[in-house]
N, C-alpha and C. Protein backbone atom coordinates (compact mmCIF):
# COMPACT_ATOMS: atom_id res chain seq x y z
N MET A 1 4.35 -10.40 14.94
CA MET A 1 5.22 -9.38 15.48
C MET A 1 6.66 -9.85 15.43
N ASP A 2 7.56 -8.90 15.24
CA ASP A 2 8.97 -9.25 15.30
C ASP A 2 9.49 -9.04 16.71
N ASP A 3 10.79 -9.31 16.94
CA ASP A 3 11.37 -9.23 18.27
C ASP A 3 11.35 -7.82 18.86
N SER A 4 11.33 -6.79 18.01
CA SER A 4 11.35 -5.41 18.52
C SER A 4 9.95 -4.88 18.82
N GLY A 5 8.93 -5.68 18.58
CA GLY A 5 7.56 -5.26 18.84
C GLY A 5 6.87 -4.69 17.62
N GLY A 6 7.59 -4.56 16.51
CA GLY A 6 6.99 -4.06 15.27
C GLY A 6 6.12 -5.11 14.63
N LEU A 7 5.18 -4.69 13.84
CA LEU A 7 4.25 -5.59 13.18
C LEU A 7 4.78 -5.95 11.80
N ALA A 8 4.93 -7.21 11.51
CA ALA A 8 5.33 -7.67 10.18
C ALA A 8 4.06 -7.79 9.35
N VAL A 9 4.03 -7.11 8.20
CA VAL A 9 2.86 -7.11 7.34
C VAL A 9 3.19 -7.88 6.06
N PRO A 10 2.70 -9.12 5.93
CA PRO A 10 3.01 -9.89 4.73
C PRO A 10 2.19 -9.39 3.55
N CYS A 11 2.78 -9.43 2.38
CA CYS A 11 2.07 -9.06 1.16
C CYS A 11 2.03 -10.27 0.25
N LYS A 12 0.84 -10.65 -0.16
CA LYS A 12 0.69 -11.77 -1.07
C LYS A 12 0.67 -11.23 -2.49
N ARG A 13 1.58 -11.68 -3.32
CA ARG A 13 1.66 -11.21 -4.70
C ARG A 13 0.64 -11.96 -5.54
N GLN A 14 -0.12 -11.21 -6.31
CA GLN A 14 -1.06 -11.81 -7.22
C GLN A 14 -0.51 -11.70 -8.63
N SER A 15 -0.57 -12.79 -9.36
CA SER A 15 -0.05 -12.77 -10.71
C SER A 15 -1.04 -12.08 -11.64
N SER A 16 -0.51 -11.53 -12.71
CA SER A 16 -1.34 -10.85 -13.69
C SER A 16 -0.84 -11.22 -15.07
N SER A 17 -1.77 -11.46 -15.97
CA SER A 17 -1.37 -11.78 -17.33
C SER A 17 -1.13 -10.52 -18.14
N ASP A 18 -1.53 -9.37 -17.63
CA ASP A 18 -1.37 -8.10 -18.35
C ASP A 18 0.00 -7.51 -18.02
N THR A 19 0.91 -7.54 -18.98
CA THR A 19 2.27 -7.06 -18.73
C THR A 19 2.35 -5.54 -18.68
N ASP A 20 1.29 -4.83 -19.05
CA ASP A 20 1.29 -3.37 -18.99
C ASP A 20 0.94 -2.84 -17.60
N VAL A 21 0.49 -3.71 -16.71
CA VAL A 21 0.15 -3.29 -15.36
C VAL A 21 1.44 -3.01 -14.60
N PRO A 22 1.58 -1.81 -14.02
CA PRO A 22 2.82 -1.52 -13.28
C PRO A 22 3.00 -2.46 -12.10
N ASP A 23 4.23 -2.71 -11.73
CA ASP A 23 4.53 -3.60 -10.62
C ASP A 23 4.42 -2.82 -9.31
N THR A 24 3.19 -2.52 -8.92
CA THR A 24 2.99 -1.74 -7.70
C THR A 24 3.39 -2.52 -6.46
N ASP A 25 3.28 -3.86 -6.51
CA ASP A 25 3.71 -4.65 -5.34
C ASP A 25 5.18 -4.42 -5.05
N GLY A 26 6.02 -4.48 -6.09
CA GLY A 26 7.45 -4.27 -5.91
C GLY A 26 7.78 -2.85 -5.48
N THR A 27 7.07 -1.88 -6.04
CA THR A 27 7.28 -0.49 -5.68
C THR A 27 6.84 -0.24 -4.24
N LEU A 28 5.68 -0.75 -3.86
CA LEU A 28 5.21 -0.63 -2.49
C LEU A 28 6.21 -1.23 -1.52
N ARG A 29 6.71 -2.40 -1.87
CA ARG A 29 7.66 -3.07 -0.99
C ARG A 29 8.94 -2.24 -0.85
N SER A 30 9.51 -1.78 -1.97
CA SER A 30 10.80 -1.08 -1.90
C SER A 30 10.68 0.33 -1.34
N GLU A 31 9.56 1.00 -1.57
CA GLU A 31 9.43 2.39 -1.13
C GLU A 31 8.72 2.58 0.20
N CYS A 32 8.05 1.55 0.68
CA CYS A 32 7.28 1.71 1.91
C CYS A 32 7.56 0.59 2.91
N LEU A 33 7.28 -0.64 2.51
CA LEU A 33 7.36 -1.75 3.47
C LEU A 33 8.78 -2.03 3.93
N ASN A 34 9.75 -1.91 3.03
CA ASN A 34 11.13 -2.23 3.40
C ASN A 34 11.79 -1.14 4.24
N ILE A 35 11.23 0.06 4.30
CA ILE A 35 11.89 1.14 5.03
C ILE A 35 11.19 1.50 6.34
N HIS A 36 10.04 0.91 6.61
CA HIS A 36 9.30 1.22 7.84
C HIS A 36 9.16 -0.02 8.71
N TRP A 37 9.32 0.17 10.00
CA TRP A 37 8.94 -0.83 10.99
C TRP A 37 7.67 -0.31 11.64
N PHE A 38 6.56 -0.96 11.36
CA PHE A 38 5.28 -0.52 11.89
C PHE A 38 5.12 -0.98 13.33
N LEU A 39 4.80 -0.04 14.20
CA LEU A 39 4.62 -0.37 15.61
C LEU A 39 3.29 -1.05 15.88
N ASP A 40 2.30 -0.75 15.04
CA ASP A 40 1.00 -1.39 15.19
C ASP A 40 0.26 -1.32 13.86
N LEU A 41 -0.88 -1.98 13.80
CA LEU A 41 -1.65 -2.03 12.56
C LEU A 41 -2.15 -0.65 12.14
N LYS A 42 -2.51 0.19 13.10
CA LYS A 42 -2.98 1.53 12.79
C LYS A 42 -1.90 2.34 12.06
N GLU A 43 -0.67 2.25 12.54
CA GLU A 43 0.43 2.96 11.89
C GLU A 43 0.69 2.39 10.49
N ALA A 44 0.64 1.08 10.35
CA ALA A 44 0.84 0.45 9.05
C ALA A 44 -0.21 0.93 8.06
N ARG A 45 -1.46 0.93 8.48
CA ARG A 45 -2.54 1.39 7.59
C ARG A 45 -2.34 2.85 7.19
N HIS A 46 -1.95 3.69 8.15
CA HIS A 46 -1.75 5.11 7.88
C HIS A 46 -0.62 5.32 6.86
N LEU A 47 0.53 4.70 7.09
CA LEU A 47 1.67 4.90 6.20
C LEU A 47 1.44 4.30 4.81
N ILE A 48 0.81 3.15 4.76
CA ILE A 48 0.53 2.53 3.46
C ILE A 48 -0.50 3.34 2.69
N GLU A 49 -1.50 3.86 3.36
CA GLU A 49 -2.51 4.70 2.69
C GLU A 49 -1.88 5.99 2.18
N ALA A 50 -0.99 6.60 2.95
CA ALA A 50 -0.31 7.82 2.51
C ALA A 50 0.53 7.52 1.26
N TRP A 51 1.22 6.37 1.25
CA TRP A 51 2.02 5.98 0.09
C TRP A 51 1.11 5.76 -1.12
N ARG A 52 -0.01 5.06 -0.91
CA ARG A 52 -0.95 4.76 -1.99
C ARG A 52 -1.50 6.03 -2.62
N GLN A 53 -1.88 7.00 -1.78
CA GLN A 53 -2.40 8.25 -2.30
C GLN A 53 -1.36 9.00 -3.12
N GLU A 54 -0.13 9.06 -2.61
CA GLU A 54 0.93 9.73 -3.35
C GLU A 54 1.19 9.02 -4.68
N TYR A 55 1.22 7.71 -4.66
CA TYR A 55 1.49 6.91 -5.85
C TYR A 55 0.39 7.10 -6.90
N ASN A 56 -0.87 7.10 -6.46
CA ASN A 56 -2.00 7.15 -7.39
C ASN A 56 -2.44 8.56 -7.77
N GLU A 57 -2.10 9.56 -6.98
CA GLU A 57 -2.62 10.90 -7.24
C GLU A 57 -1.56 11.91 -7.61
N SER A 58 -0.33 11.72 -7.17
CA SER A 58 0.69 12.75 -7.37
C SER A 58 1.82 12.34 -8.30
N ARG A 59 2.05 11.07 -8.43
CA ARG A 59 3.23 10.60 -9.16
C ARG A 59 2.90 10.26 -10.61
N PRO A 60 3.57 10.91 -11.56
CA PRO A 60 3.37 10.54 -12.97
C PRO A 60 3.98 9.16 -13.26
N HIS A 61 3.37 8.45 -14.19
CA HIS A 61 3.83 7.12 -14.57
C HIS A 61 4.17 7.11 -16.06
N ALA A 62 5.33 6.60 -16.39
CA ALA A 62 5.76 6.54 -17.80
C ALA A 62 4.76 5.75 -18.64
N SER A 63 4.19 4.69 -18.08
CA SER A 63 3.25 3.86 -18.84
C SER A 63 1.95 4.60 -19.15
N LEU A 64 1.72 5.74 -18.50
CA LEU A 64 0.52 6.55 -18.74
C LEU A 64 0.89 7.87 -19.42
N ASP A 65 1.95 7.85 -20.21
CA ASP A 65 2.45 9.06 -20.88
C ASP A 65 2.74 10.17 -19.89
N ASP A 66 3.40 9.79 -18.80
CA ASP A 66 3.81 10.72 -17.75
C ASP A 66 2.64 11.48 -17.13
N ARG A 67 1.50 10.81 -17.05
CA ARG A 67 0.35 11.35 -16.31
C ARG A 67 0.19 10.55 -15.03
N THR A 68 -0.46 11.16 -14.05
CA THR A 68 -0.78 10.41 -12.83
C THR A 68 -1.95 9.48 -13.15
N PRO A 69 -2.13 8.41 -12.39
CA PRO A 69 -3.29 7.54 -12.62
C PRO A 69 -4.61 8.31 -12.50
N SER A 70 -4.68 9.28 -11.60
CA SER A 70 -5.91 10.08 -11.47
C SER A 70 -6.17 10.91 -12.72
N GLU A 71 -5.10 11.52 -13.26
CA GLU A 71 -5.24 12.29 -14.51
C GLU A 71 -5.67 11.38 -15.66
N PHE A 72 -5.05 10.22 -15.74
CA PHE A 72 -5.37 9.27 -16.80
C PHE A 72 -6.83 8.85 -16.71
N ALA A 73 -7.29 8.49 -15.51
CA ALA A 73 -8.67 8.06 -15.31
C ALA A 73 -9.65 9.17 -15.66
N SER A 74 -9.32 10.41 -15.28
CA SER A 74 -10.18 11.55 -15.59
C SER A 74 -10.29 11.77 -17.09
N GLN A 75 -9.16 11.63 -17.79
CA GLN A 75 -9.17 11.82 -19.25
C GLN A 75 -9.97 10.72 -19.95
N ILE A 76 -9.86 9.50 -19.44
CA ILE A 76 -10.65 8.40 -20.02
C ILE A 76 -12.13 8.65 -19.79
N ALA A 77 -12.50 9.05 -18.58
CA ALA A 77 -13.90 9.32 -18.27
C ALA A 77 -14.43 10.47 -19.12
N ALA A 78 -13.64 11.51 -19.31
CA ALA A 78 -14.06 12.66 -20.13
C ALA A 78 -14.23 12.24 -21.58
N SER A 79 -13.35 11.41 -22.09
CA SER A 79 -13.47 10.98 -23.48
C SER A 79 -14.72 10.10 -23.67
N ARG A 80 -15.06 9.32 -22.65
CA ARG A 80 -16.28 8.49 -22.73
C ARG A 80 -17.52 9.38 -22.69
N ASP A 81 -17.47 10.45 -21.85
CA ASP A 81 -18.59 11.38 -21.79
C ASP A 81 -18.81 12.06 -23.14
N LEU A 82 -17.72 12.45 -23.79
CA LEU A 82 -17.81 13.09 -25.10
C LEU A 82 -18.33 12.13 -26.16
N ALA A 83 -17.98 10.86 -26.03
CA ALA A 83 -18.42 9.86 -27.00
C ALA A 83 -19.85 9.40 -26.73
N GLY A 84 -20.38 9.78 -25.56
CA GLY A 84 -21.75 9.40 -25.23
C GLY A 84 -21.92 7.97 -24.75
N THR A 85 -20.82 7.38 -24.21
CA THR A 85 -20.95 6.01 -23.69
C THR A 85 -20.95 6.01 -22.20
């Protein structure tokens, strides 16, 4: 906890050898963690989950040809179904 009673939520960065993976850690930090002071763990979980859903379901990503990750995953699954795998 910090001096104001807010909960400090540390994020451990995991390295990745795949350079095509978006830097979601940095985006999460700049768009969510750096702008909110969480009063408790319940609030932190709620706000981070809301951010995650928006990021993964509503926001298009340039690395996915301006599709959302959900759209991209659905198209991959559909193409596999058509290919019979």
